[in-house]
Amino acid sequence: MKLLFLGTWEIIVIVLVVLLLFGGKKIPELMRGMGKGVKSFKDGMNGIEDPKPQEKESSETKKSEDGI
């Protein structure tokens, strides 16, 4: 399956088709929107962490504060 391996000419054709469809002024707006989407996705993934290490850390700090 050689679908994912694109050569130079295939990439040039794809870029030209995108330019024809969207125009030069619209592409920066599209890329900006994609960047914001990727950033929010990464922030969301970083926000979903396993709570168990945090609980373990908080119990260890309680023990050290109690002098045990």
N, C-alpha and C. Protein backbone atom coordinates (compact mmCIF):
# COMPACT_ATOMS: atom_id res chain seq x y z
N MET A 1 0.86 -1.18 0.00
CA MET A 1 0.00 0.00 0.00
C MET A 1 0.89 1.24 0.00
N LYS A 2 0.89 1.94 -1.08
CA LYS A 2 1.76 3.09 -1.25
C LYS A 2 0.96 4.39 -1.17
N LEU A 3 -0.13 4.39 -0.45
CA LEU A 3 -1.03 5.53 -0.38
C LEU A 3 -0.43 6.69 0.40
N LEU A 4 0.27 6.42 1.47
CA LEU A 4 0.76 7.48 2.35
C LEU A 4 2.07 8.09 1.87
N PHE A 5 2.73 7.48 0.91
CA PHE A 5 4.01 7.98 0.45
C PHE A 5 3.79 8.87 -0.76
N LEU A 6 3.84 10.19 -0.53
CA LEU A 6 3.61 11.15 -1.60
C LEU A 6 4.94 11.69 -2.09
N GLY A 7 5.06 11.82 -3.39
CA GLY A 7 6.24 12.40 -3.98
C GLY A 7 6.12 13.90 -4.08
N THR A 8 7.15 14.51 -4.64
CA THR A 8 7.18 15.97 -4.77
C THR A 8 6.07 16.47 -5.68
N TRP A 9 5.86 15.79 -6.81
CA TRP A 9 4.84 16.25 -7.75
C TRP A 9 3.43 16.12 -7.18
N GLU A 10 3.19 15.09 -6.40
CA GLU A 10 1.87 14.93 -5.80
C GLU A 10 1.59 16.04 -4.80
N ILE A 11 2.60 16.40 -4.03
CA ILE A 11 2.44 17.48 -3.04
C ILE A 11 2.20 18.81 -3.76
N ILE A 12 2.92 19.06 -4.84
CA ILE A 12 2.73 20.30 -5.60
C ILE A 12 1.32 20.38 -6.16
N VAL A 13 0.81 19.27 -6.69
CA VAL A 13 -0.55 19.26 -7.22
C VAL A 13 -1.57 19.51 -6.12
N ILE A 14 -1.38 18.90 -4.96
CA ILE A 14 -2.30 19.11 -3.84
C ILE A 14 -2.30 20.57 -3.40
N VAL A 15 -1.11 21.18 -3.31
CA VAL A 15 -1.02 22.59 -2.91
C VAL A 15 -1.72 23.48 -3.93
N LEU A 16 -1.54 23.20 -5.21
CA LEU A 16 -2.20 24.00 -6.25
C LEU A 16 -3.72 23.86 -6.19
N VAL A 17 -4.21 22.67 -5.94
CA VAL A 17 -5.66 22.46 -5.83
C VAL A 17 -6.21 23.22 -4.62
N VAL A 18 -5.49 23.18 -3.51
CA VAL A 18 -5.93 23.91 -2.32
C VAL A 18 -5.95 25.41 -2.59
N LEU A 19 -4.92 25.91 -3.26
CA LEU A 19 -4.89 27.33 -3.62
C LEU A 19 -6.06 27.71 -4.52
N LEU A 20 -6.39 26.86 -5.47
CA LEU A 20 -7.52 27.15 -6.36
C LEU A 20 -8.85 27.11 -5.63
N LEU A 21 -8.99 26.18 -4.71
CA LEU A 21 -10.27 26.05 -3.99
C LEU A 21 -10.49 27.17 -2.98
N PHE A 22 -9.48 27.48 -2.20
CA PHE A 22 -9.66 28.41 -1.09
C PHE A 22 -9.15 29.82 -1.37
N GLY A 23 -8.21 29.97 -2.26
CA GLY A 23 -7.66 31.29 -2.53
C GLY A 23 -6.54 31.61 -1.54
N GLY A 24 -5.71 32.55 -1.92
CA GLY A 24 -4.54 32.90 -1.11
C GLY A 24 -4.88 33.58 0.20
N LYS A 25 -5.98 34.33 0.25
CA LYS A 25 -6.32 35.08 1.47
C LYS A 25 -6.95 34.20 2.53
N LYS A 26 -7.59 33.15 2.12
CA LYS A 26 -8.32 32.30 3.08
C LYS A 26 -7.42 31.28 3.77
N ILE A 27 -6.30 30.92 3.14
CA ILE A 27 -5.43 29.87 3.69
C ILE A 27 -4.84 30.24 5.06
N PRO A 28 -4.33 31.48 5.28
CA PRO A 28 -3.82 31.79 6.62
C PRO A 28 -4.89 31.67 7.71
N GLU A 29 -6.13 32.04 7.38
CA GLU A 29 -7.21 31.90 8.35
C GLU A 29 -7.47 30.43 8.67
N LEU A 30 -7.43 29.58 7.66
CA LEU A 30 -7.64 28.14 7.87
C LEU A 30 -6.52 27.56 8.73
N MET A 31 -5.29 27.94 8.45
CA MET A 31 -4.15 27.42 9.21
C MET A 31 -4.20 27.91 10.66
N ARG A 32 -4.60 29.15 10.86
CA ARG A 32 -4.73 29.70 12.21
C ARG A 32 -5.79 28.92 13.00
N GLY A 33 -6.90 28.64 12.35
CA GLY A 33 -7.95 27.86 13.00
C GLY A 33 -7.50 26.45 13.34
N MET A 34 -6.74 25.84 12.43
CA MET A 34 -6.22 24.50 12.70
C MET A 34 -5.24 24.52 13.86
N GLY A 35 -4.40 25.56 13.92
CA GLY A 35 -3.44 25.69 15.02
C GLY A 35 -4.13 25.83 16.36
N LYS A 36 -5.18 26.63 16.40
CA LYS A 36 -5.94 26.80 17.64
C LYS A 36 -6.61 25.49 18.04
N GLY A 37 -7.10 24.75 17.06
CA GLY A 37 -7.73 23.47 17.36
C GLY A 37 -6.74 22.47 17.92
N VAL A 38 -5.54 22.41 17.33
CA VAL A 38 -4.51 21.49 17.82
C VAL A 38 -4.07 21.89 19.23
N LYS A 39 -3.93 23.20 19.46
CA LYS A 39 -3.51 23.67 20.79
C LYS A 39 -4.55 23.32 21.85
N SER A 40 -5.83 23.52 21.53
CA SER A 40 -6.86 23.20 22.51
C SER A 40 -6.94 21.70 22.75
N PHE A 41 -6.68 20.90 21.71
CA PHE A 41 -6.65 19.45 21.88
C PHE A 41 -5.51 19.04 22.81
N LYS A 42 -4.32 19.61 22.59
CA LYS A 42 -3.18 19.30 23.45
C LYS A 42 -3.43 19.74 24.89
N ASP A 43 -4.02 20.92 25.07
CA ASP A 43 -4.34 21.39 26.42
C ASP A 43 -5.33 20.45 27.09
N GLY A 44 -6.29 19.98 26.33
CA GLY A 44 -7.27 19.03 26.87
C GLY A 44 -6.63 17.71 27.25
N MET A 45 -5.70 17.24 26.44
CA MET A 45 -5.02 15.99 26.75
C MET A 45 -4.12 16.14 27.97
N ASN A 46 -3.49 17.30 28.13
CA ASN A 46 -2.67 17.53 29.31
C ASN A 46 -3.51 17.66 30.57
N GLY A 47 -4.74 18.11 30.41
CA GLY A 47 -5.63 18.25 31.56
C GLY A 47 -6.15 16.91 32.06
N ILE A 48 -6.15 15.90 31.21
CA ILE A 48 -6.62 14.57 31.59
C ILE A 48 -5.40 13.76 32.02
N GLU A 49 -5.16 13.76 33.31
CA GLU A 49 -4.05 12.99 33.85
C GLU A 49 -4.58 12.03 34.89
N ASP A 50 -3.80 11.03 35.18
CA ASP A 50 -4.19 10.04 36.17
C ASP A 50 -4.18 10.69 37.55
N PRO A 51 -5.31 10.72 38.27
CA PRO A 51 -5.35 11.39 39.57
C PRO A 51 -4.60 10.61 40.67
N LYS A 52 -4.28 9.35 40.45
CA LYS A 52 -3.62 8.56 41.48
C LYS A 52 -2.26 9.10 41.88
N PRO A 53 -1.39 9.52 40.94
CA PRO A 53 -0.11 10.09 41.38
C PRO A 53 -0.27 11.35 42.22
N GLN A 54 -1.29 12.14 41.93
CA GLN A 54 -1.52 13.35 42.72
C GLN A 54 -1.98 12.98 44.13
N GLU A 55 -2.83 11.97 44.26
CA GLU A 55 -3.28 11.54 45.57
C GLU A 55 -2.12 10.99 46.38
N LYS A 56 -1.25 10.23 45.73
CA LYS A 56 -0.10 9.67 46.40
C LYS A 56 0.82 10.78 46.88
N GLU A 57 1.02 11.79 46.05
CA GLU A 57 1.88 12.90 46.40
C GLU A 57 1.30 13.68 47.58
N SER A 58 -0.02 13.90 47.56
CA SER A 58 -0.64 14.66 48.63
C SER A 58 -0.60 13.89 49.95
N SER A 59 -0.71 12.55 49.92
CA SER A 59 -0.62 11.77 51.16
C SER A 59 0.80 11.78 51.69
N GLU A 60 1.80 11.80 50.81
CA GLU A 60 3.19 11.86 51.25
C GLU A 60 3.50 13.20 51.89
N THR A 61 2.95 14.27 51.35
CA THR A 61 3.20 15.58 51.93
C THR A 61 2.51 15.71 53.27
N LYS A 62 1.35 15.08 53.46
CA LYS A 62 0.68 15.10 54.76
C LYS A 62 1.52 14.37 55.80
N LYS A 63 2.12 13.25 55.41
CA LYS A 63 2.95 12.50 56.36
C LYS A 63 4.15 13.32 56.76
N SER A 64 4.78 14.01 55.80
CA SER A 64 5.97 14.80 56.12
C SER A 64 5.60 16.00 56.96
N GLU A 65 4.41 16.54 56.79
CA GLU A 65 3.96 17.67 57.59
C GLU A 65 3.63 17.25 59.01
N ASP A 66 3.14 16.01 59.18
CA ASP A 66 2.80 15.51 60.51
C ASP A 66 4.04 15.09 61.30
N GLY A 67 5.17 14.98 60.62
CA GLY A 67 6.40 14.60 61.29
C GLY A 67 6.57 13.09 61.37
N ILE A 68 5.87 12.36 60.56
CA ILE A 68 5.97 10.89 60.59
C ILE A 68 7.06 10.44 59.68
